[in-house]
Amino acid sequence: MANVEIDQEWVKLISEARSLGFKKEEISAFFERESLEVTLEENDGS
């Protein structure tokens, strides 16, 4: 499934962000904003 690939990408991005010194809260806030934008884009397409 595509979701598994996406999850692996997220995990990679998160670990990179952590290694750059981002805090967990900053990362989760970023991903909440990103997933909101993705949801809005998907709704536009239909």
PDB file of N, CA and C in Angstrom:
ATOM      1  N   MET A   1       0.837  -1.207   0.000  1.00  0.00           N
ATOM      2  CA  MET A   1       0.000   0.000   0.000  1.00  0.00           C
ATOM      3  C   MET A   1       0.874   1.259   0.000  1.00  0.00           C
ATOM      4  N   ALA A   2       0.354   2.300  -0.605  1.00  0.00           N
ATOM      5  CA  ALA A   2       1.091   3.565  -0.686  1.00  0.00           C
ATOM      6  C   ALA A   2       1.300   4.171   0.703  1.00  0.00           C
ATOM      7  N   ASN A   3       0.342   3.942   1.610  1.00  0.00           N
ATOM      8  CA  ASN A   3       0.441   4.529   2.946  1.00  0.00           C
ATOM      9  C   ASN A   3       1.706   4.101   3.670  1.00  0.00           C
ATOM     10  N   VAL A   4       2.111   2.845   3.479  1.00  0.00           N
ATOM     11  CA  VAL A   4       3.321   2.359   4.136  1.00  0.00           C
ATOM     12  C   VAL A   4       4.534   3.120   3.622  1.00  0.00           C
ATOM     13  N   GLU A   5       4.605   3.334   2.315  1.00  0.00           N
ATOM     14  CA  GLU A   5       5.717   4.091   1.738  1.00  0.00           C
ATOM     15  C   GLU A   5       5.735   5.515   2.287  1.00  0.00           C
ATOM     16  N   ILE A   6       4.567   6.134   2.366  1.00  0.00           N
ATOM     17  CA  ILE A   6       4.465   7.496   2.887  1.00  0.00           C
ATOM     18  C   ILE A   6       4.925   7.531   4.342  1.00  0.00           C
ATOM     19  N   ASP A   7       4.490   6.543   5.138  1.00  0.00           N
ATOM     20  CA  ASP A   7       4.905   6.487   6.537  1.00  0.00           C
ATOM     21  C   ASP A   7       6.420   6.393   6.653  1.00  0.00           C
ATOM     22  N   GLN A   8       7.042   5.581   5.800  1.00  0.00           N
ATOM     23  CA  GLN A   8       8.502   5.451   5.836  1.00  0.00           C
ATOM     24  C   GLN A   8       9.163   6.775   5.479  1.00  0.00           C
ATOM     25  N   GLU A   9       8.590   7.497   4.522  1.00  0.00           N
ATOM     26  CA  GLU A   9       9.108   8.827   4.179  1.00  0.00           C
ATOM     27  C   GLU A   9       9.009   9.766   5.378  1.00  0.00           C
ATOM     28  N   TRP A  10       7.840   9.764   6.052  1.00  0.00           N
ATOM     29  CA  TRP A  10       7.658  10.619   7.231  1.00  0.00           C
ATOM     30  C   TRP A  10       8.691  10.285   8.294  1.00  0.00           C
ATOM     31  N   VAL A  11       8.877   8.976   8.540  1.00  0.00           N
ATOM     32  CA  VAL A  11       9.828   8.550   9.570  1.00  0.00           C
ATOM     33  C   VAL A  11      11.222   9.068   9.240  1.00  0.00           C
ATOM     34  N   LYS A  12      11.586   8.981   7.956  1.00  0.00           N
ATOM     35  CA  LYS A  12      12.901   9.459   7.527  1.00  0.00           C
ATOM     36  C   LYS A  12      13.005  10.970   7.736  1.00  0.00           C
ATOM     37  N   LEU A  13      11.968  11.697   7.322  1.00  0.00           N
ATOM     38  CA  LEU A  13      11.973  13.151   7.478  1.00  0.00           C
ATOM     39  C   LEU A  13      12.025  13.554   8.946  1.00  0.00           C
ATOM     40  N   ILE A  14      11.251  12.850   9.779  1.00  0.00           N
ATOM     41  CA  ILE A  14      11.225  13.173  11.208  1.00  0.00           C
ATOM     42  C   ILE A  14      12.594  12.944  11.827  1.00  0.00           C
ATOM     43  N   SER A  15      13.226  11.816  11.507  1.00  0.00           N
ATOM     44  CA  SER A  15      14.535  11.549  12.105  1.00  0.00           C
ATOM     45  C   SER A  15      15.576  12.559  11.620  1.00  0.00           C
ATOM     46  N   GLU A  16      15.468  12.993  10.361  1.00  0.00           N
ATOM     47  CA  GLU A  16      16.368  14.040   9.866  1.00  0.00           C
ATOM     48  C   GLU A  16      16.138  15.336  10.631  1.00  0.00           C
ATOM     49  N   ALA A  17      14.871  15.694  10.815  1.00  0.00           N
ATOM     50  CA  ALA A  17      14.535  16.922  11.536  1.00  0.00           C
ATOM     51  C   ALA A  17      15.048  16.856  12.971  1.00  0.00           C
ATOM     52  N   ARG A  18      14.886  15.696  13.626  1.00  0.00           N
ATOM     53  CA  ARG A  18      15.375  15.547  14.999  1.00  0.00           C
ATOM     54  C   ARG A  18      16.891  15.720  15.033  1.00  0.00           C
ATOM     55  N   SER A  19      17.581  15.156  14.039  1.00  0.00           N
ATOM     56  CA  SER A  19      19.043  15.254  14.029  1.00  0.00           C
ATOM     57  C   SER A  19      19.505  16.688  13.776  1.00  0.00           C
ATOM     58  N   LEU A  20      18.645  17.489  13.148  1.00  0.00           N
ATOM     59  CA  LEU A  20      18.962  18.904  12.932  1.00  0.00           C
ATOM     60  C   LEU A  20      18.648  19.749  14.160  1.00  0.00           C
ATOM     61  N   GLY A  21      18.034  19.134  15.174  1.00  0.00           N
ATOM     62  CA  GLY A  21      17.802  19.829  16.426  1.00  0.00           C
ATOM     63  C   GLY A  21      16.381  20.329  16.615  1.00  0.00           C
ATOM     64  N   PHE A  22      15.475  19.917  15.728  1.00  0.00           N
ATOM     65  CA  PHE A  22      14.085  20.323  15.915  1.00  0.00           C
ATOM     66  C   PHE A  22      13.482  19.598  17.107  1.00  0.00           C
ATOM     67  N   LYS A  23      12.606  20.283  17.819  1.00  0.00           N
ATOM     68  CA  LYS A  23      11.914  19.655  18.940  1.00  0.00           C
ATOM     69  C   LYS A  23      10.719  18.864  18.426  1.00  0.00           C
ATOM     70  N   LYS A  24      10.314  17.876  19.212  1.00  0.00           N
ATOM     71  CA  LYS A  24       9.186  17.024  18.845  1.00  0.00           C
ATOM     72  C   LYS A  24       7.938  17.861  18.575  1.00  0.00           C
ATOM     73  N   GLU A  25       7.707  18.881  19.419  1.00  0.00           N
ATOM     74  CA  GLU A  25       6.512  19.721  19.263  1.00  0.00           C
ATOM     75  C   GLU A  25       6.541  20.470  17.934  1.00  0.00           C
ATOM     76  N   GLU A  26       7.713  20.982  17.572  1.00  0.00           N
ATOM     77  CA  GLU A  26       7.841  21.722  16.316  1.00  0.00           C
ATOM     78  C   GLU A  26       7.560  20.810  15.128  1.00  0.00           C
ATOM     79  N   ILE A  27       8.078  19.588  15.210  1.00  0.00           N
ATOM     80  CA  ILE A  27       7.890  18.638  14.115  1.00  0.00           C
ATOM     81  C   ILE A  27       6.415  18.271  13.986  1.00  0.00           C
ATOM     82  N   SER A  28       5.771  17.953  15.110  1.00  0.00           N
ATOM     83  CA  SER A  28       4.363  17.547  15.034  1.00  0.00           C
ATOM     84  C   SER A  28       3.483  18.697  14.571  1.00  0.00           C
ATOM     85  N   ALA A  29       3.800  19.926  14.985  1.00  0.00           N
ATOM     86  CA  ALA A  29       3.035  21.086  14.522  1.00  0.00           C
ATOM     87  C   ALA A  29       3.177  21.238  13.012  1.00  0.00           C
ATOM     88  N   PHE A  30       4.402  21.037  12.513  1.00  0.00           N
ATOM     89  CA  PHE A  30       4.637  21.124  11.070  1.00  0.00           C
ATOM     90  C   PHE A  30       3.830  20.065  10.333  1.00  0.00           C
ATOM     91  N   PHE A  31       3.849  18.829  10.844  1.00  0.00           N
ATOM     92  CA  PHE A  31       3.154  17.756  10.143  1.00  0.00           C
ATOM     93  C   PHE A  31       1.640  17.921  10.212  1.00  0.00           C
ATOM     94  N   GLU A  32       1.131  18.476  11.310  1.00  0.00           N
ATOM     95  CA  GLU A  32      -0.305  18.742  11.388  1.00  0.00           C
ATOM     96  C   GLU A  32      -0.701  19.752  10.317  1.00  0.00           C
ATOM     97  N   ARG A  33       0.116  20.780  10.148  1.00  0.00           N
ATOM     98  CA  ARG A  33      -0.162  21.799   9.136  1.00  0.00           C
ATOM     99  C   ARG A  33      -0.066  21.183   7.735  1.00  0.00           C
ATOM    100  N   GLU A  34       0.950  20.362   7.498  1.00  0.00           N
ATOM    101  CA  GLU A  34       1.130  19.722   6.198  1.00  0.00           C
ATOM    102  C   GLU A  34      -0.047  18.818   5.869  1.00  0.00           C
ATOM    103  N   SER A  35      -0.461  17.980   6.828  1.00  0.00           N
ATOM    104  CA  SER A  35      -1.546  17.041   6.543  1.00  0.00           C
ATOM    105  C   SER A  35      -2.856  17.790   6.331  1.00  0.00           C
ATOM    106  N   LEU A  36      -3.022  18.932   6.989  1.00  0.00           N
ATOM    107  CA  LEU A  36      -4.204  19.757   6.770  1.00  0.00           C
ATOM    108  C   LEU A  36      -4.215  20.268   5.334  1.00  0.00           C
ATOM    109  N   GLU A  37      -3.064  20.747   4.854  1.00  0.00           N
ATOM    110  CA  GLU A  37      -2.969  21.242   3.483  1.00  0.00           C
ATOM    111  C   GLU A  37      -3.233  20.124   2.484  1.00  0.00           C
ATOM    112  N   VAL A  38      -2.699  18.939   2.747  1.00  0.00           N
ATOM    113  CA  VAL A  38      -2.909  17.798   1.853  1.00  0.00           C
ATOM    114  C   VAL A  38      -4.391  17.457   1.802  1.00  0.00           C
ATOM    115  N   THR A  39      -5.046  17.453   2.968  1.00  0.00           N
ATOM    116  CA  THR A  39      -6.475  17.150   3.019  1.00  0.00           C
ATOM    117  C   THR A  39      -7.268  18.164   2.204  1.00  0.00           C
ATOM    118  N   LEU A  40      -6.922  19.447   2.331  1.00  0.00           N
ATOM    119  CA  LEU A  40      -7.624  20.485   1.582  1.00  0.00           C
ATOM    120  C   LEU A  40      -7.415  20.309   0.083  1.00  0.00           C
ATOM    121  N   GLU A  41      -6.187  19.978  -0.323  1.00  0.00           N
ATOM    122  CA  GLU A  41      -5.902  19.772  -1.741  1.00  0.00           C
ATOM    123  C   GLU A  41      -6.693  18.587  -2.285  1.00  0.00           C
ATOM    124  N   GLU A  42      -6.773  17.504  -1.511  1.00  0.00           N
ATOM    125  CA  GLU A  42      -7.515  16.323  -1.954  1.00  0.00           C
ATOM    126  C   GLU A  42      -8.993  16.661  -2.115  1.00  0.00           C
ATOM    127  N   ASN A  43      -9.524  17.473  -1.213  1.00  0.00           N
ATOM    128  CA  ASN A  43     -10.929  17.855  -1.310  1.00  0.00           C
ATOM    129  C   ASN A  43     -11.188  18.711  -2.541  1.00  0.00           C
ATOM    130  N   ASP A  44     -10.240  19.558  -2.904  1.00  0.00           N
ATOM    131  CA  ASP A  44     -10.378  20.392  -4.097  1.00  0.00           C
ATOM    132  C   ASP A  44     -10.454  19.547  -5.361  1.00  0.00           C
ATOM    133  N   GLY A  45      -9.679  18.477  -5.405  1.00  0.00           N
ATOM    134  CA  GLY A  45      -9.589  17.657  -6.603  1.00  0.00           C
ATOM    135  C   GLY A  45     -10.852  16.885  -6.927  1.00  0.00           C
ATOM    136  N   SER A  46     -11.721  16.674  -5.948  1.00  0.00           N
ATOM    137  CA  SER A  46     -12.887  15.811  -6.182  1.00  0.00           C
ATOM    138  C   SER A  46     -14.137  16.539  -6.610  1.00  0.00           C
TER     139      SER A  46
END
